[in-house]
Amino acid sequence: MKRDARKEERRERRRTRIRARIRGTQEKPRLAVFRSLNHIYVQAIDDEKGTTLVQACTLEEECSVKTGGNLAAAKAVGELVAKRLKEKGLEAVIFDRGGFPYHGRIKALAEAARANGLKF
């Protein structure tokens, strides 16, 4: 088995363990993060209804970043999702790092969202 395949399998196991413990609701959605090599995606999910309340990613024009795979892009996405959640009247979320380590771009996104008024 290739190294990357083992690494992805370990991330999936961590993601499953995390997902078993946390559930998003209408009042406190789950803020799920996915990090690819070139972009970062985040969505607020109501697990009770199975719907996405808001989403943001580096591919959007509103995000206005030159490169999607760096700390500045992660901060911009964190600010954007916080703004969209506040427009919907939501301030509290449950953070789901998706099995990724909490550092680098994941941490930058979380800190930017907190700085813009989200509580988690």
C-alpha atoms as a PDB file:
ATOM      1  CA  MET A   1       0.000   0.000   0.000  1.00  0.00           C
ATOM      2  CA  LYS A   2       1.324   3.423  -0.893  1.00  0.00           C
ATOM      3  CA  ARG A   3       2.220   5.928   1.813  1.00  0.00           C
ATOM      4  CA  ASP A   4      -0.436   8.440   0.678  1.00  0.00           C
ATOM      5  CA  ALA A   5      -3.140   5.791   0.748  1.00  0.00           C
ATOM      6  CA  ARG A   6      -2.233   4.852   4.339  1.00  0.00           C
ATOM      7  CA  LYS A   7      -2.180   8.513   5.317  1.00  0.00           C
ATOM      8  CA  GLU A   8      -5.632   9.112   3.833  1.00  0.00           C
ATOM      9  CA  GLU A   9      -6.969   5.967   5.522  1.00  0.00           C
ATOM     10  CA  ARG A  10      -5.715   7.199   8.920  1.00  0.00           C
ATOM     11  CA  ARG A  11      -7.351  10.592   8.311  1.00  0.00           C
ATOM     12  CA  GLU A  12     -10.648   8.875   7.466  1.00  0.00           C
ATOM     13  CA  ARG A  13     -10.494   6.876  10.719  1.00  0.00           C
ATOM     14  CA  ARG A  14      -9.862  10.062  12.717  1.00  0.00           C
ATOM     15  CA  ARG A  15     -12.717  11.788  10.864  1.00  0.00           C
ATOM     16  CA  THR A  16     -15.091   8.930  11.712  1.00  0.00           C
ATOM     17  CA  ARG A  17     -14.167   9.064  15.417  1.00  0.00           C
ATOM     18  CA  ILE A  18     -14.692  12.825  15.501  1.00  0.00           C
ATOM     19  CA  ARG A  19     -17.990  12.603  13.602  1.00  0.00           C
ATOM     20  CA  ALA A  20     -19.332   9.986  16.046  1.00  0.00           C
ATOM     21  CA  ARG A  21     -19.060  12.474  18.921  1.00  0.00           C
ATOM     22  CA  ILE A  22     -20.329  15.710  17.379  1.00  0.00           C
ATOM     23  CA  ARG A  23     -23.708  16.573  15.857  1.00  0.00           C
ATOM     24  CA  GLY A  24     -24.778  19.897  14.414  1.00  0.00           C
ATOM     25  CA  THR A  25     -28.200  21.392  15.089  1.00  0.00           C
ATOM     26  CA  GLN A  26     -30.161  24.317  13.661  1.00  0.00           C
ATOM     27  CA  GLU A  27     -29.065  26.552  16.574  1.00  0.00           C
ATOM     28  CA  LYS A  28     -25.469  25.263  16.702  1.00  0.00           C
ATOM     29  CA  PRO A  29     -24.388  23.829  13.325  1.00  0.00           C
ATOM     30  CA  ARG A  30     -21.299  21.731  12.670  1.00  0.00           C
ATOM     31  CA  LEU A  31     -18.587  23.757  10.915  1.00  0.00           C
ATOM     32  CA  ALA A  32     -16.976  21.104   8.684  1.00  0.00           C
ATOM     33  CA  VAL A  33     -13.620  21.885   7.071  1.00  0.00           C
ATOM     34  CA  PHE A  34     -11.983  20.174   4.095  1.00  0.00           C
ATOM     35  CA  ARG A  35      -8.463  21.040   3.050  1.00  0.00           C
ATOM     36  CA  SER A  36      -7.096  20.075  -0.342  1.00  0.00           C
ATOM     37  CA  LEU A  37      -3.684  20.895  -1.706  1.00  0.00           C
ATOM     38  CA  ASN A  38      -4.861  24.027  -3.523  1.00  0.00           C
ATOM     39  CA  HIS A  39      -8.066  25.088  -1.762  1.00  0.00           C
ATOM     40  CA  ILE A  40      -9.945  25.074   1.527  1.00  0.00           C
ATOM     41  CA  TYR A  41     -13.686  24.507   1.891  1.00  0.00           C
ATOM     42  CA  VAL A  42     -15.950  25.014   4.906  1.00  0.00           C
ATOM     43  CA  GLN A  43     -19.664  24.475   5.433  1.00  0.00           C
ATOM     44  CA  ALA A  44     -22.056  24.833   8.345  1.00  0.00           C
ATOM     45  CA  ILE A  45     -24.216  21.709   8.534  1.00  0.00           C
ATOM     46  CA  ASP A  46     -27.442  20.967  10.399  1.00  0.00           C
ATOM     47  CA  ASP A  47     -27.093  17.201  10.962  1.00  0.00           C
ATOM     48  CA  GLU A  48     -30.657  16.813  12.249  1.00  0.00           C
ATOM     49  CA  LYS A  49     -32.122  17.864   8.883  1.00  0.00           C
ATOM     50  CA  GLY A  50     -29.102  16.908   6.796  1.00  0.00           C
ATOM     51  CA  THR A  51     -28.798  20.361   5.216  1.00  0.00           C
ATOM     52  CA  THR A  52     -26.005  22.821   4.627  1.00  0.00           C
ATOM     53  CA  LEU A  53     -26.839  26.235   6.088  1.00  0.00           C
ATOM     54  CA  VAL A  54     -23.910  28.225   4.642  1.00  0.00           C
ATOM     55  CA  GLN A  55     -20.678  27.437   2.846  1.00  0.00           C
ATOM     56  CA  ALA A  56     -17.515  29.210   1.745  1.00  0.00           C
ATOM     57  CA  CYS A  57     -14.400  28.245  -0.180  1.00  0.00           C
ATOM     58  CA  THR A  58     -11.366  29.767  -1.848  1.00  0.00           C
ATOM     59  CA  LEU A  59     -12.878  29.258  -5.314  1.00  0.00           C
ATOM     60  CA  GLU A  60     -15.456  32.018  -4.779  1.00  0.00           C
ATOM     61  CA  GLU A  61     -14.917  35.491  -6.202  1.00  0.00           C
ATOM     62  CA  GLU A  62     -16.152  36.992  -2.939  1.00  0.00           C
ATOM     63  CA  CYS A  63     -13.192  35.383  -1.149  1.00  0.00           C
ATOM     64  CA  SER A  64     -10.764  37.438  -3.275  1.00  0.00           C
ATOM     65  CA  VAL A  65      -7.540  35.507  -2.765  1.00  0.00           C
ATOM     66  CA  LYS A  66      -4.819  35.008  -5.329  1.00  0.00           C
ATOM     67  CA  THR A  67      -3.780  31.526  -4.152  1.00  0.00           C
ATOM     68  CA  GLY A  68      -6.171  29.159  -2.391  1.00  0.00           C
ATOM     69  CA  GLY A  69      -3.669  26.948  -0.575  1.00  0.00           C
ATOM     70  CA  ASN A  70      -2.080  29.289   1.943  1.00  0.00           C
ATOM     71  CA  LEU A  71      -2.745  30.865   5.363  1.00  0.00           C
ATOM     72  CA  ALA A  72      -4.115  34.107   3.917  1.00  0.00           C
ATOM     73  CA  ALA A  73      -6.719  32.166   1.944  1.00  0.00           C
ATOM     74  CA  ALA A  74      -7.736  30.178   5.030  1.00  0.00           C
ATOM     75  CA  LYS A  75      -8.163  33.396   7.013  1.00  0.00           C
ATOM     76  CA  ALA A  76     -10.291  34.903   4.231  1.00  0.00           C
ATOM     77  CA  VAL A  77     -12.550  31.834   4.153  1.00  0.00           C
ATOM     78  CA  GLY A  78     -12.877  31.911   7.961  1.00  0.00           C
ATOM     79  CA  GLU A  79     -13.939  35.556   7.852  1.00  0.00           C
ATOM     80  CA  LEU A  80     -16.378  34.885   5.001  1.00  0.00           C
ATOM     81  CA  VAL A  81     -18.118  31.954   6.692  1.00  0.00           C
ATOM     82  CA  ALA A  82     -18.352  33.902   9.974  1.00  0.00           C
ATOM     83  CA  LYS A  83     -19.965  36.815   8.144  1.00  0.00           C
ATOM     84  CA  ARG A  84     -22.476  34.543   6.412  1.00  0.00           C
ATOM     85  CA  LEU A  85     -23.398  32.758   9.647  1.00  0.00           C
ATOM     86  CA  LYS A  86     -23.896  36.050  11.463  1.00  0.00           C
ATOM     87  CA  GLU A  87     -26.210  37.198   8.642  1.00  0.00           C
ATOM     88  CA  LYS A  88     -28.303  34.084   9.333  1.00  0.00           C
ATOM     89  CA  GLY A  89     -28.355  34.958  13.044  1.00  0.00           C
ATOM     90  CA  LEU A  90     -26.008  32.165  14.178  1.00  0.00           C
ATOM     91  CA  GLU A  91     -23.037  32.821  16.442  1.00  0.00           C
ATOM     92  CA  ALA A  92     -22.259  29.409  17.983  1.00  0.00           C
ATOM     93  CA  VAL A  93     -20.914  26.432  16.026  1.00  0.00           C
ATOM     94  CA  ILE A  94     -19.270  23.074  16.655  1.00  0.00           C
ATOM     95  CA  PHE A  95     -15.889  22.916  14.901  1.00  0.00           C
ATOM     96  CA  ASP A  96     -15.198  19.768  12.844  1.00  0.00           C
ATOM     97  CA  ARG A  97     -11.615  19.696  11.604  1.00  0.00           C
ATOM     98  CA  GLY A  98     -12.386  16.664   9.429  1.00  0.00           C
ATOM     99  CA  GLY A  99      -9.511  14.540  10.694  1.00  0.00           C
ATOM    100  CA  PHE A 100      -6.898  17.123   9.750  1.00  0.00           C
ATOM    101  CA  PRO A 101      -4.376  18.235  12.397  1.00  0.00           C
ATOM    102  CA  TYR A 102      -5.305  21.485  14.137  1.00  0.00           C
ATOM    103  CA  HIS A 103      -2.462  23.641  12.858  1.00  0.00           C
ATOM    104  CA  GLY A 104      -1.576  25.616   9.771  1.00  0.00           C
ATOM    105  CA  ARG A 105      -4.509  26.419   7.504  1.00  0.00           C
ATOM    106  CA  ILE A 106      -7.111  24.698   9.713  1.00  0.00           C
ATOM    107  CA  LYS A 107      -6.004  26.715  12.733  1.00  0.00           C
ATOM    108  CA  ALA A 108      -5.879  29.952  10.710  1.00  0.00           C
ATOM    109  CA  LEU A 109      -9.446  29.410   9.489  1.00  0.00           C
ATOM    110  CA  ALA A 110     -10.693  28.705  13.033  1.00  0.00           C
ATOM    111  CA  GLU A 111      -8.954  31.737  14.527  1.00  0.00           C
ATOM    112  CA  ALA A 112     -10.273  34.034  11.775  1.00  0.00           C
ATOM    113  CA  ALA A 113     -13.811  32.762  12.364  1.00  0.00           C
ATOM    114  CA  ARG A 114     -13.440  33.343  16.130  1.00  0.00           C
ATOM    115  CA  ALA A 115     -12.043  36.828  15.544  1.00  0.00           C
ATOM    116  CA  ASN A 116     -15.150  37.647  13.488  1.00  0.00           C
ATOM    117  CA  GLY A 117     -17.593  36.688  16.224  1.00  0.00           C
ATOM    118  CA  LEU A 118     -18.159  32.922  16.018  1.00  0.00           C
ATOM    119  CA  LYS A 119     -18.082  30.986  19.287  1.00  0.00           C
ATOM    120  CA  PHE A 120     -16.740  27.424  19.454  1.00  0.00           C
END
